N, C-alpha and C. Protein backbone atom coordinates (compact mmCIF):
# COMPACT_ATOMS: atom_id res chain seq x y z
N UNK A 1 -21.47 -80.78 -46.84
CA UNK A 1 -20.18 -80.07 -46.38
C UNK A 1 -19.71 -80.27 -44.81
N UNK A 2 -18.61 -80.52 -44.65
CA UNK A 2 -18.03 -80.81 -43.28
C UNK A 2 -17.89 -79.71 -42.54
N UNK A 3 -18.41 -79.47 -41.24
CA UNK A 3 -18.16 -78.07 -40.52
C UNK A 3 -16.44 -77.45 -40.84
N UNK A 4 -16.32 -76.59 -40.74
CA UNK A 4 -14.92 -75.81 -40.36
C UNK A 4 -14.59 -75.64 -38.81
N UNK A 5 -13.56 -76.14 -38.69
CA UNK A 5 -13.30 -76.06 -37.17
C UNK A 5 -13.11 -74.36 -37.01
N UNK A 6 -13.76 -74.25 -35.53
CA UNK A 6 -13.95 -73.11 -34.92
C UNK A 6 -14.68 -72.04 -35.85
N UNK A 7 -15.60 -72.41 -36.55
CA UNK A 7 -16.56 -71.46 -36.79
C UNK A 7 -17.97 -71.96 -36.59
N UNK A 8 -18.94 -71.31 -36.39
CA UNK A 8 -20.13 -71.52 -35.67
C UNK A 8 -20.96 -70.93 -37.13
N UNK A 9 -22.03 -71.78 -37.55
CA UNK A 9 -23.20 -71.17 -38.14
C UNK A 9 -24.17 -70.30 -37.56
N UNK A 10 -24.32 -68.97 -38.00
CA UNK A 10 -25.62 -67.98 -37.04
C UNK A 10 -26.50 -67.76 -38.29
N UNK A 11 -27.50 -67.21 -37.78
CA UNK A 11 -28.48 -66.56 -38.52
C UNK A 11 -28.17 -65.14 -38.27
N UNK A 12 -28.27 -64.02 -39.38
CA UNK A 12 -28.43 -62.75 -38.88
C UNK A 12 -29.58 -62.07 -40.09
N UNK A 13 -29.91 -60.56 -39.43
CA UNK A 13 -30.76 -60.32 -40.53
C UNK A 13 -30.27 -59.06 -40.64
N UNK A 14 -30.10 -58.64 -42.29
CA UNK A 14 -29.36 -57.38 -42.42
C UNK A 14 -30.29 -57.00 -43.75
N UNK A 15 -29.77 -55.60 -43.80
CA UNK A 15 -30.64 -54.77 -44.63
C UNK A 15 -30.37 -55.23 -46.31
N UNK A 16 -31.48 -55.45 -46.93
CA UNK A 16 -31.20 -56.08 -48.26
C UNK A 16 -30.34 -55.03 -49.47
N UNK A 17 -30.07 -54.05 -49.38
CA UNK A 17 -29.41 -53.01 -50.08
C UNK A 17 -27.85 -53.66 -49.82
N UNK A 18 -27.47 -53.73 -48.38
CA UNK A 18 -26.38 -54.13 -47.86
C UNK A 18 -25.77 -55.69 -48.24
N UNK A 19 -27.00 -56.63 -48.35
CA UNK A 19 -26.96 -57.75 -49.07
C UNK A 19 -26.42 -58.00 -50.38
N UNK A 20 -27.00 -57.00 -51.31
CA UNK A 20 -27.08 -56.66 -52.43
C UNK A 20 -25.56 -56.70 -52.80
N UNK A 21 -25.22 -55.48 -52.12
CA UNK A 21 -23.61 -55.04 -52.33
C UNK A 21 -22.86 -56.20 -52.15
N UNK A 22 -22.96 -57.26 -50.96
CA UNK A 22 -21.90 -58.30 -50.80
C UNK A 22 -21.98 -58.82 -51.97
N UNK A 23 -23.20 -59.29 -52.53
CA UNK A 23 -23.33 -60.29 -53.42
C UNK A 23 -22.47 -59.87 -54.59
N UNK A 24 -22.65 -58.98 -54.69
CA UNK A 24 -22.06 -57.93 -55.98
C UNK A 24 -20.34 -57.95 -55.80
N UNK A 25 -19.86 -57.79 -54.97
CA UNK A 25 -18.45 -58.28 -54.51
C UNK A 25 -17.98 -59.51 -54.42
N UNK A 26 -18.83 -60.40 -53.96
CA UNK A 26 -18.31 -61.88 -54.11
C UNK A 26 -19.42 -62.56 -53.96
N UNK A 27 -18.93 -63.89 -53.94
CA UNK A 27 -19.88 -65.17 -54.19
C UNK A 27 -19.79 -65.71 -52.60
N UNK A 28 -19.17 -65.41 -52.01
CA UNK A 28 -18.95 -65.89 -50.58
C UNK A 28 -19.14 -64.95 -49.44
N UNK A 29 -20.91 -65.16 -49.03
CA UNK A 29 -21.07 -64.07 -48.21
C UNK A 29 -20.42 -64.12 -46.91
N UNK A 30 -20.38 -65.38 -46.46
CA UNK A 30 -19.89 -65.84 -44.91
C UNK A 30 -18.33 -65.13 -45.28
N UNK A 31 -17.44 -65.29 -46.06
CA UNK A 31 -15.86 -64.73 -46.18
C UNK A 31 -16.31 -62.96 -45.95
N UNK A 32 -17.31 -62.36 -47.06
CA UNK A 32 -17.21 -60.70 -46.78
C UNK A 32 -17.79 -60.33 -45.20
N UNK A 33 -18.86 -61.45 -44.75
CA UNK A 33 -19.03 -60.74 -43.59
C UNK A 33 -18.06 -60.69 -42.21
N UNK A 34 -17.36 -62.20 -42.47
CA UNK A 34 -16.36 -62.30 -41.43
C UNK A 34 -15.44 -61.28 -41.98
N UNK A 35 -14.70 -61.02 -42.91
CA UNK A 35 -13.78 -59.97 -42.97
C UNK A 35 -14.13 -58.38 -42.35
N UNK A 36 -15.45 -58.43 -42.78
CA UNK A 36 -16.14 -57.01 -42.60
C UNK A 36 -16.11 -57.19 -40.76
N UNK A 37 -16.69 -57.97 -40.13
CA UNK A 37 -16.45 -58.05 -38.48
C UNK A 37 -15.07 -57.92 -38.08
N UNK A 38 -14.15 -58.50 -38.77
CA UNK A 38 -12.69 -58.76 -38.45
C UNK A 38 -12.21 -56.97 -38.33
N UNK A 39 -12.63 -56.45 -39.37
CA UNK A 39 -12.34 -54.92 -39.64
C UNK A 39 -13.08 -54.16 -38.32
N UNK A 40 -14.14 -54.38 -38.05
CA UNK A 40 -15.13 -53.78 -36.97
C UNK A 40 -14.24 -53.89 -35.67
N UNK A 41 -13.76 -55.15 -35.48
CA UNK A 41 -13.19 -55.45 -34.35
C UNK A 41 -11.82 -55.00 -34.07
N UNK A 42 -11.40 -54.64 -35.15
CA UNK A 42 -9.97 -53.74 -35.26
C UNK A 42 -10.06 -52.53 -34.93
N UNK A 43 -11.11 -51.83 -35.74
CA UNK A 43 -11.51 -50.47 -35.28
C UNK A 43 -12.13 -50.24 -34.10
N UNK A 44 -12.50 -51.03 -33.32
CA UNK A 44 -13.09 -51.01 -32.11
C UNK A 44 -12.05 -51.09 -31.28
N UNK A 45 -11.19 -51.78 -31.39
CA UNK A 45 -9.90 -51.74 -30.62
C UNK A 45 -8.97 -50.42 -30.53
N UNK A 46 -8.60 -50.20 -31.66
CA UNK A 46 -8.31 -48.84 -31.79
C UNK A 46 -8.84 -47.57 -31.10
N UNK A 47 -10.13 -47.67 -31.42
CA UNK A 47 -11.03 -46.51 -30.95
C UNK A 47 -10.57 -46.57 -29.18
N UNK A 48 -10.64 -47.85 -28.53
CA UNK A 48 -10.04 -47.99 -27.41
C UNK A 48 -8.85 -47.08 -26.84
N UNK A 49 -7.88 -47.68 -27.79
CA UNK A 49 -6.59 -47.39 -27.47
C UNK A 49 -6.87 -45.80 -27.59
N UNK A 50 -7.26 -45.64 -28.68
CA UNK A 50 -7.15 -43.89 -29.04
C UNK A 50 -7.63 -42.94 -27.88
N UNK A 51 -9.11 -43.69 -27.53
CA UNK A 51 -9.50 -42.81 -26.00
C UNK A 51 -8.51 -42.75 -24.83
N UNK A 52 -7.99 -44.09 -24.95
CA UNK A 52 -6.84 -44.14 -23.78
C UNK A 52 -5.81 -43.36 -23.75
N UNK A 53 -5.27 -43.32 -24.58
CA UNK A 53 -4.00 -42.24 -24.79
C UNK A 53 -4.88 -40.49 -24.92
N UNK A 54 -5.76 -40.32 -25.29
CA UNK A 54 -6.15 -39.10 -25.47
C UNK A 54 -6.61 -38.60 -24.14
N UNK A 55 -7.03 -39.58 -22.88
CA UNK A 55 -7.27 -38.86 -21.83
C UNK A 55 -6.31 -39.39 -20.88
N UNK A 56 -4.92 -39.72 -21.08
CA UNK A 56 -4.33 -39.83 -20.28
C UNK A 56 -3.66 -38.26 -19.21
N UNK A 57 -3.38 -38.46 -18.29
CA UNK A 57 -3.23 -37.35 -17.43
C UNK A 57 -1.79 -36.88 -17.80
N UNK A 58 -1.11 -35.61 -17.14
CA UNK A 58 -0.07 -35.17 -17.64
C UNK A 58 1.06 -36.15 -16.94
N UNK A 59 0.68 -36.23 -15.52
CA UNK A 59 1.66 -36.99 -14.71
C UNK A 59 1.91 -38.45 -15.48
N UNK A 60 0.99 -39.39 -16.01
CA UNK A 60 1.19 -40.35 -16.95
C UNK A 60 1.96 -40.29 -17.81
N UNK A 61 2.04 -39.23 -18.65
CA UNK A 61 2.52 -38.89 -19.69
C UNK A 61 3.95 -38.49 -19.23
N UNK A 62 4.21 -38.02 -18.23
CA UNK A 62 5.59 -37.42 -18.02
C UNK A 62 6.65 -38.91 -17.48
N UNK A 63 5.70 -39.78 -16.67
CA UNK A 63 6.12 -41.27 -16.60
C UNK A 63 6.67 -41.90 -17.42
N UNK A 64 5.89 -41.80 -18.34
CA UNK A 64 5.82 -42.84 -19.82
C UNK A 64 7.33 -42.29 -20.73
N UNK A 65 7.20 -40.75 -20.25
CA UNK A 65 8.70 -40.20 -21.04
C UNK A 65 9.91 -40.52 -20.31
N UNK A 66 9.65 -40.62 -19.10
CA UNK A 66 10.57 -41.00 -18.22
C UNK A 66 11.07 -42.50 -18.44
N UNK A 67 10.08 -43.37 -18.39
CA UNK A 67 10.75 -44.79 -18.63
C UNK A 67 11.37 -45.23 -20.17
N UNK A 68 10.91 -44.33 -21.28
CA UNK A 68 11.17 -43.98 -22.59
C UNK A 68 12.81 -43.94 -22.65
N UNK A 69 13.00 -42.75 -21.85
CA UNK A 69 14.52 -42.03 -21.56
C UNK A 69 15.16 -43.01 -21.52
N UNK A 70 14.87 -43.58 -20.07
CA UNK A 70 15.73 -44.61 -19.38
C UNK A 70 16.15 -45.69 -20.39
N UNK A 71 15.08 -46.46 -20.83
CA UNK A 71 15.04 -47.75 -21.99
C UNK A 71 16.28 -47.30 -22.78
N UNK A 72 15.92 -45.86 -23.52
CA UNK A 72 16.58 -45.69 -24.85
C UNK A 72 18.20 -45.46 -24.39
N UNK A 73 18.44 -44.94 -22.93
CA UNK A 73 19.71 -44.96 -22.35
C UNK A 73 20.68 -46.24 -22.18
N UNK A 74 19.40 -47.33 -21.54
CA UNK A 74 20.11 -48.53 -21.24
C UNK A 74 20.40 -49.07 -22.52
N UNK A 75 19.49 -49.21 -23.46
CA UNK A 75 19.98 -49.70 -24.87
C UNK A 75 21.06 -49.00 -25.43
N UNK A 76 21.13 -47.85 -25.22
CA UNK A 76 22.53 -47.14 -25.79
C UNK A 76 23.57 -47.86 -25.02
N UNK A 77 23.86 -47.88 -23.95
CA UNK A 77 24.73 -48.51 -22.81
C UNK A 77 25.17 -50.01 -23.38
N UNK A 78 24.18 -50.88 -23.29
CA UNK A 78 24.06 -51.84 -23.94
C UNK A 78 24.97 -52.14 -25.06
N UNK A 79 24.47 -51.75 -26.28
CA UNK A 79 25.24 -51.52 -27.26
C UNK A 79 26.48 -51.11 -27.45
N UNK A 80 26.66 -50.38 -26.68
CA UNK A 80 28.11 -49.61 -26.81
C UNK A 80 28.95 -50.65 -25.77
N UNK A 81 28.39 -51.18 -24.70
CA UNK A 81 29.24 -52.50 -24.18
C UNK A 81 29.41 -53.52 -25.06
N UNK A 82 28.90 -53.60 -26.15
CA UNK A 82 28.65 -54.85 -26.81
C UNK A 82 29.49 -54.64 -28.40
N UNK A 83 30.03 -53.21 -28.40
CA UNK A 83 30.94 -52.87 -29.53
C UNK A 83 30.03 -52.91 -30.73
N UNK A 84 28.39 -52.19 -30.72
CA UNK A 84 27.81 -52.55 -31.92
C UNK A 84 27.24 -51.19 -32.05
């Protein structure tokens, strides 16, 4: 079988019950594990974003609200000027 571009062969050790569950879901272990890692990565990014937004200072929140208001006003002015 020819190597797939941008993919690497790795060896991992996982719990036997987990491997059995993977085998029950699919005959392609690599695809299941790759999808699981993609979901894990998305979850980690979402967790980082959530922590960032939860830990913003009140001053940062107010600044963001001011920028959002300004952007909305400019959009409305532009749409009005173009007759949209």
